[in-house]
Amino acid sequence: MVGVVAVWRCKCGLRVKVVAEADTHQPPSRKVVASCPKCGEPRILHAEKIVSVTELIDFALSASA
């Protein structure tokens, strides 16, 4: 298994970070659904299982504001 990290900005404005596991010995045939922790908007990932779904906080952007 290998760790996979996916990051996106949800339609609600939250930056979502998902850590998942994928099998490197098989083609990416399995799909799992990660949901935004704020609004629940689903996102499909090619992985075996989801390890965590969290809000991504960019400290560099928040420090300059």
PDB file of N, CA and C in Angstrom:
ATOM      1  N   MET A   1       0.836  -1.186   0.000  1.00  0.00           N
ATOM      2  CA  MET A   1       0.000   0.000   0.000  1.00  0.00           C
ATOM      3  C   MET A   1       0.879   1.248   0.000  1.00  0.00           C
ATOM      4  N   VAL A   2       0.356   2.270  -0.627  1.00  0.00           N
ATOM      5  CA  VAL A   2       1.047   3.546  -0.697  1.00  0.00           C
ATOM      6  C   VAL A   2       0.071   4.633  -0.265  1.00  0.00           C
ATOM      7  N   GLY A   3       0.592   5.662   0.366  1.00  0.00           N
ATOM      8  CA  GLY A   3      -0.243   6.781   0.792  1.00  0.00           C
ATOM      9  C   GLY A   3      -0.538   7.720  -0.360  1.00  0.00           C
ATOM     10  N   VAL A   4      -1.766   8.194  -0.423  1.00  0.00           N
ATOM     11  CA  VAL A   4      -2.197   9.130  -1.453  1.00  0.00           C
ATOM     12  C   VAL A   4      -2.797  10.341  -0.745  1.00  0.00           C
ATOM     13  N   VAL A   5      -2.435  11.536  -1.215  1.00  0.00           N
ATOM     14  CA  VAL A   5      -2.995  12.756  -0.651  1.00  0.00           C
ATOM     15  C   VAL A   5      -3.701  13.510  -1.768  1.00  0.00           C
ATOM     16  N   ALA A   6      -4.958  13.868  -1.527  1.00  0.00           N
ATOM     17  CA  ALA A   6      -5.731  14.660  -2.481  1.00  0.00           C
ATOM     18  C   ALA A   6      -6.162  15.941  -1.781  1.00  0.00           C
ATOM     19  N   VAL A   7      -6.042  17.068  -2.467  1.00  0.00           N
ATOM     20  CA  VAL A   7      -6.414  18.375  -1.911  1.00  0.00           C
ATOM     21  C   VAL A   7      -7.260  19.091  -2.941  1.00  0.00           C
ATOM     22  N   TRP A   8      -8.378  19.680  -2.499  1.00  0.00           N
ATOM     23  CA  TRP A   8      -9.198  20.489  -3.395  1.00  0.00           C
ATOM     24  C   TRP A   8      -9.954  21.539  -2.605  1.00  0.00           C
ATOM     25  N   ARG A   9     -10.386  22.572  -3.322  1.00  0.00           N
ATOM     26  CA  ARG A   9     -11.224  23.594  -2.710  1.00  0.00           C
ATOM     27  C   ARG A   9     -12.660  23.233  -3.022  1.00  0.00           C
ATOM     28  N   CYS A  10     -13.450  23.025  -1.989  1.00  0.00           N
ATOM     29  CA  CYS A  10     -14.851  22.637  -2.135  1.00  0.00           C
ATOM     30  C   CYS A  10     -15.683  23.832  -2.602  1.00  0.00           C
ATOM     31  N   LYS A  11     -16.869  23.547  -3.092  1.00  0.00           N
ATOM     32  CA  LYS A  11     -17.750  24.630  -3.542  1.00  0.00           C
ATOM     33  C   LYS A  11     -18.171  25.543  -2.401  1.00  0.00           C
ATOM     34  N   CYS A  12     -18.076  25.061  -1.145  1.00  0.00           N
ATOM     35  CA  CYS A  12     -18.412  25.898   0.015  1.00  0.00           C
ATOM     36  C   CYS A  12     -17.241  26.793   0.420  1.00  0.00           C
ATOM     37  N   GLY A  13     -16.060  26.614  -0.229  1.00  0.00           N
ATOM     38  CA  GLY A  13     -14.898  27.453   0.053  1.00  0.00           C
ATOM     39  C   GLY A  13     -13.855  26.796   0.944  1.00  0.00           C
ATOM     40  N   LEU A  14     -14.177  25.672   1.559  1.00  0.00           N
ATOM     41  CA  LEU A  14     -13.252  24.978   2.437  1.00  0.00           C
ATOM     42  C   LEU A  14     -12.200  24.238   1.616  1.00  0.00           C
ATOM     43  N   ARG A  15     -10.951  24.292   2.050  1.00  0.00           N
ATOM     44  CA  ARG A  15      -9.897  23.495   1.402  1.00  0.00           C
ATOM     45  C   ARG A  15      -9.846  22.151   2.110  1.00  0.00           C
ATOM     46  N   VAL A  16     -10.091  21.078   1.378  1.00  0.00           N
ATOM     47  CA  VAL A  16     -10.207  19.732   1.932  1.00  0.00           C
ATOM     48  C   VAL A  16      -8.945  18.933   1.605  1.00  0.00           C
ATOM     49  N   LYS A  17      -8.446  18.207   2.617  1.00  0.00           N
ATOM     50  CA  LYS A  17      -7.294  17.322   2.421  1.00  0.00           C
ATOM     51  C   LYS A  17      -7.715  15.908   2.804  1.00  0.00           C
ATOM     52  N   VAL A  18      -7.506  14.972   1.883  1.00  0.00           N
ATOM     53  CA  VAL A  18      -7.839  13.572   2.125  1.00  0.00           C
ATOM     54  C   VAL A  18      -6.562  12.750   2.036  1.00  0.00           C
ATOM     55  N   VAL A  19      -6.340  11.918   3.040  1.00  0.00           N
ATOM     56  CA  VAL A  19      -5.240  10.962   3.021  1.00  0.00           C
ATOM     57  C   VAL A  19      -5.885   9.590   2.830  1.00  0.00           C
ATOM     58  N   ALA A  20      -5.405   8.859   1.818  1.00  0.00           N
ATOM     59  CA  ALA A  20      -5.973   7.551   1.501  1.00  0.00           C
ATOM     60  C   ALA A  20      -4.849   6.564   1.235  1.00  0.00           C
ATOM     61  N   GLU A  21      -5.222   5.288   1.087  1.00  0.00           N
ATOM     62  CA  GLU A  21      -4.261   4.245   0.752  1.00  0.00           C
ATOM     63  C   GLU A  21      -4.668   3.604  -0.559  1.00  0.00           C
ATOM     64  N   ALA A  22      -3.677   3.330  -1.398  1.00  0.00           N
ATOM     65  CA  ALA A  22      -3.923   2.673  -2.680  1.00  0.00           C
ATOM     66  C   ALA A  22      -2.928   1.527  -2.844  1.00  0.00           C
ATOM     67  N   ASP A  23      -3.342   0.505  -3.578  1.00  0.00           N
ATOM     68  CA  ASP A  23      -2.490  -0.647  -3.848  1.00  0.00           C
ATOM     69  C   ASP A  23      -1.719  -0.375  -5.135  1.00  0.00           C
ATOM     70  N   THR A  24      -0.397  -0.386  -5.054  1.00  0.00           N
ATOM     71  CA  THR A  24       0.427  -0.085  -6.223  1.00  0.00           C
ATOM     72  C   THR A  24       0.566  -1.271  -7.168  1.00  0.00           C
ATOM     73  N   HIS A  25       0.159  -2.467  -6.727  1.00  0.00           N
ATOM     74  CA  HIS A  25       0.303  -3.668  -7.540  1.00  0.00           C
ATOM     75  C   HIS A  25      -0.917  -3.950  -8.411  1.00  0.00           C
ATOM     76  N   GLN A  26      -1.954  -3.125  -8.306  1.00  0.00           N
ATOM     77  CA  GLN A  26      -3.161  -3.318  -9.095  1.00  0.00           C
ATOM     78  C   GLN A  26      -3.565  -1.993  -9.728  1.00  0.00           C
ATOM     79  N   PRO A  27      -4.235  -2.053 -10.877  1.00  0.00           N
ATOM     80  CA  PRO A  27      -4.705  -0.804 -11.494  1.00  0.00           C
ATOM     81  C   PRO A  27      -5.757  -0.136 -10.613  1.00  0.00           C
ATOM     82  N   PRO A  28      -5.886   1.187 -10.715  1.00  0.00           N
ATOM     83  CA  PRO A  28      -6.831   1.914  -9.843  1.00  0.00           C
ATOM     84  C   PRO A  28      -8.287   1.658 -10.247  1.00  0.00           C
ATOM     85  N   SER A  29      -8.820   0.513  -9.831  1.00  0.00           N
ATOM     86  CA  SER A  29     -10.192   0.166 -10.199  1.00  0.00           C
ATOM     87  C   SER A  29     -11.183   0.466  -9.088  1.00  0.00           C
ATOM     88  N   ARG A  30     -10.736   0.526  -7.862  1.00  0.00           N
ATOM     89  CA  ARG A  30     -11.636   0.772  -6.742  1.00  0.00           C
ATOM     90  C   ARG A  30     -11.809   2.273  -6.533  1.00  0.00           C
ATOM     91  N   LYS A  31     -13.050   2.674  -6.258  1.00  0.00           N
ATOM     92  CA  LYS A  31     -13.347   4.083  -6.013  1.00  0.00           C
ATOM     93  C   LYS A  31     -13.955   4.222  -4.628  1.00  0.00           C
ATOM     94  N   VAL A  32     -13.532   5.241  -3.904  1.00  0.00           N
ATOM     95  CA  VAL A  32     -14.106   5.573  -2.608  1.00  0.00           C
ATOM     96  C   VAL A  32     -14.574   7.018  -2.668  1.00  0.00           C
ATOM     97  N   VAL A  33     -15.521   7.348  -1.811  1.00  0.00           N
ATOM     98  CA  VAL A  33     -16.084   8.693  -1.805  1.00  0.00           C
ATOM     99  C   VAL A  33     -15.656   9.413  -0.534  1.00  0.00           C
ATOM    100  N   ALA A  34     -15.034  10.576  -0.708  1.00  0.00           N
ATOM    101  CA  ALA A  34     -14.681  11.452   0.410  1.00  0.00           C
ATOM    102  C   ALA A  34     -15.644  12.634   0.380  1.00  0.00           C
ATOM    103  N   SER A  35     -16.109  13.056   1.537  1.00  0.00           N
ATOM    104  CA  SER A  35     -17.052  14.170   1.612  1.00  0.00           C
ATOM    105  C   SER A  35     -16.437  15.332   2.363  1.00  0.00           C
ATOM    106  N   CYS A  36     -16.781  16.536   1.934  1.00  0.00           N
ATOM    107  CA  CYS A  36     -16.330  17.749   2.611  1.00  0.00           C
ATOM    108  C   CYS A  36     -16.839  17.730   4.050  1.00  0.00           C
ATOM    109  N   PRO A  37     -15.976  18.008   5.030  1.00  0.00           N
ATOM    110  CA  PRO A  37     -16.420  17.997   6.424  1.00  0.00           C
ATOM    111  C   PRO A  37     -17.391  19.133   6.760  1.00  0.00           C
ATOM    112  N   LYS A  38     -17.438  20.172   5.938  1.00  0.00           N
ATOM    113  CA  LYS A  38     -18.325  21.304   6.228  1.00  0.00           C
ATOM    114  C   LYS A  38     -19.705  21.146   5.587  1.00  0.00           C
ATOM    115  N   CYS A  39     -19.744  20.834   4.279  1.00  0.00           N
ATOM    116  CA  CYS A  39     -21.032  20.805   3.584  1.00  0.00           C
ATOM    117  C   CYS A  39     -21.438  19.417   3.099  1.00  0.00           C
ATOM    118  N   GLY A  40     -20.506  18.453   3.125  1.00  0.00           N
ATOM    119  CA  GLY A  40     -20.829  17.096   2.719  1.00  0.00           C
ATOM    120  C   GLY A  40     -20.737  16.824   1.225  1.00  0.00           C
ATOM    121  N   GLU A  41     -20.242  17.774   0.431  1.00  0.00           N
ATOM    122  CA  GLU A  41     -20.093  17.588  -1.008  1.00  0.00           C
ATOM    123  C   GLU A  41     -19.169  16.394  -1.276  1.00  0.00           C
ATOM    124  N   PRO A  42     -19.629  15.385  -2.039  1.00  0.00           N
ATOM    125  CA  PRO A  42     -18.811  14.190  -2.270  1.00  0.00           C
ATOM    126  C   PRO A  42     -17.768  14.392  -3.365  1.00  0.00           C
ATOM    127  N   ARG A  43     -16.666  13.654  -3.249  1.00  0.00           N
ATOM    128  CA  ARG A  43     -15.598  13.645  -4.259  1.00  0.00           C
ATOM    129  C   ARG A  43     -15.123  12.199  -4.386  1.00  0.00           C
ATOM    130  N   ILE A  44     -15.028  11.695  -5.601  1.00  0.00           N
ATOM    131  CA  ILE A  44     -14.610  10.320  -5.841  1.00  0.00           C
ATOM    132  C   ILE A  44     -13.089  10.260  -5.962  1.00  0.00           C
ATOM    133  N   LEU A  45     -12.486   9.305  -5.248  1.00  0.00           N
ATOM    134  CA  LEU A  45     -11.044   9.082  -5.291  1.00  0.00           C
ATOM    135  C   LEU A  45     -10.776   7.647  -5.711  1.00  0.00           C
ATOM    136  N   HIS A  46      -9.705   7.424  -6.437  1.00  0.00           N
ATOM    137  CA  HIS A  46      -9.278   6.077  -6.803  1.00  0.00           C
ATOM    138  C   HIS A  46      -8.304   5.597  -5.734  1.00  0.00           C
ATOM    139  N   ALA A  47      -8.809   4.826  -4.767  1.00  0.00           N
ATOM    140  CA  ALA A  47      -8.006   4.334  -3.655  1.00  0.00           C
ATOM    141  C   ALA A  47      -8.698   3.125  -3.043  1.00  0.00           C
ATOM    142  N   GLU A  48      -8.002   2.448  -2.148  1.00  0.00           N
ATOM    143  CA  GLU A  48      -8.568   1.296  -1.455  1.00  0.00           C
ATOM    144  C   GLU A  48      -9.393   1.731  -0.248  1.00  0.00           C
ATOM    145  N   LYS A  49      -8.850   2.677   0.534  1.00  0.00           N
ATOM    146  CA  LYS A  49      -9.586   3.154   1.702  1.00  0.00           C
ATOM    147  C   LYS A  49      -9.125   4.553   2.075  1.00  0.00           C
ATOM    148  N   ILE A  50     -10.003   5.276   2.738  1.00  0.00           N
ATOM    149  CA  ILE A  50      -9.707   6.629   3.204  1.00  0.00           C
ATOM    150  C   ILE A  50      -9.194   6.544   4.635  1.00  0.00           C
ATOM    151  N   VAL A  51      -8.088   7.225   4.882  1.00  0.00           N
ATOM    152  CA  VAL A  51      -7.495   7.253   6.213  1.00  0.00           C
ATOM    153  C   VAL A  51      -8.025   8.447   6.995  1.00  0.00           C
ATOM    154  N   SER A  52      -8.071   9.637   6.365  1.00  0.00           N
ATOM    155  CA  SER A  52      -8.575  10.833   7.054  1.00  0.00           C
ATOM    156  C   SER A  52      -9.077  11.866   6.058  1.00  0.00           C
ATOM    157  N   VAL A  53     -10.028  12.671   6.523  1.00  0.00           N
ATOM    158  CA  VAL A  53     -10.543  13.808   5.759  1.00  0.00           C
ATOM    159  C   VAL A  53     -10.511  15.004   6.708  1.00  0.00           C
ATOM    160  N   THR A  54      -9.744  16.033   6.346  1.00  0.00           N
ATOM    161  CA  THR A  54      -9.594  17.187   7.218  1.00  0.00           C
ATOM    162  C   THR A  54      -9.633  18.492   6.428  1.00  0.00           C
ATOM    163  N   GLU A  55      -9.804  19.581   7.152  1.00  0.00           N
ATOM    164  CA  GLU A  55      -9.700  20.911   6.548  1.00  0.00           C
ATOM    165  C   GLU A  55      -8.221  21.247   6.415  1.00  0.00           C
ATOM    166  N   LEU A  56      -7.833  21.729   5.256  1.00  0.00           N
ATOM    167  CA  LEU A  56      -6.443  22.128   5.032  1.00  0.00           C
ATOM    168  C   LEU A  56      -6.321  23.607   5.383  1.00  0.00           C
ATOM    169  N   ILE A  57      -5.454  23.892   6.333  1.00  0.00           N
ATOM    170  CA  ILE A  57      -5.225  25.275   6.756  1.00  0.00           C
ATOM    171  C   ILE A  57      -3.856  25.696   6.263  1.00  0.00           C
ATOM    172  N   ASP A  58      -3.814  26.720   5.451  1.00  0.00           N
ATOM    173  CA  ASP A  58      -2.557  27.234   4.917  1.00  0.00           C
ATOM    174  C   ASP A  58      -2.088  28.356   5.837  1.00  0.00           C
ATOM    175  N   PHE A  59      -1.126  28.046   6.682  1.00  0.00           N
ATOM    176  CA  PHE A  59      -0.659  29.021   7.666  1.00  0.00           C
ATOM    177  C   PHE A  59       0.042  30.196   7.028  1.00  0.00           C
ATOM    178  N   ALA A  60       0.647  30.019   5.857  1.00  0.00           N
ATOM    179  CA  ALA A  60       1.305  31.128   5.171  1.00  0.00           C
ATOM    180  C   ALA A  60       0.273  32.160   4.731  1.00  0.00           C
ATOM    181  N   LEU A  61      -0.870  31.697   4.228  1.00  0.00           N
ATOM    182  CA  LEU A  61      -1.910  32.646   3.815  1.00  0.00           C
ATOM    183  C   LEU A  61      -2.572  33.317   5.006  1.00  0.00           C
ATOM    184  N   SER A  62      -2.819  32.556   6.079  1.00  0.00           N
ATOM    185  CA  SER A  62      -3.487  33.140   7.240  1.00  0.00           C
ATOM    186  C   SER A  62      -2.581  34.118   7.995  1.00  0.00           C
ATOM    187  N   ALA A  63      -1.262  33.921   7.938  1.00  0.00           N
ATOM    188  CA  ALA A  63      -0.330  34.818   8.625  1.00  0.00           C
ATOM    189  C   ALA A  63      -0.202  36.146   7.895  1.00  0.00           C
ATOM    190  N   SER A  64      -0.356  36.125   6.568  1.00  0.00           N
ATOM    191  CA  SER A  64      -0.210  37.366   5.809  1.00  0.00           C
ATOM    192  C   SER A  64      -1.488  38.198   5.793  1.00  0.00           C
ATOM    193  N   ALA A  65      -2.586  37.644   6.216  1.00  0.00           N
ATOM    194  CA  ALA A  65      -3.873  38.374   6.191  1.00  0.00           C
ATOM    195  C   ALA A  65      -4.018  39.280   7.383  1.00  0.00           C
TER     196      ALA A  65
END
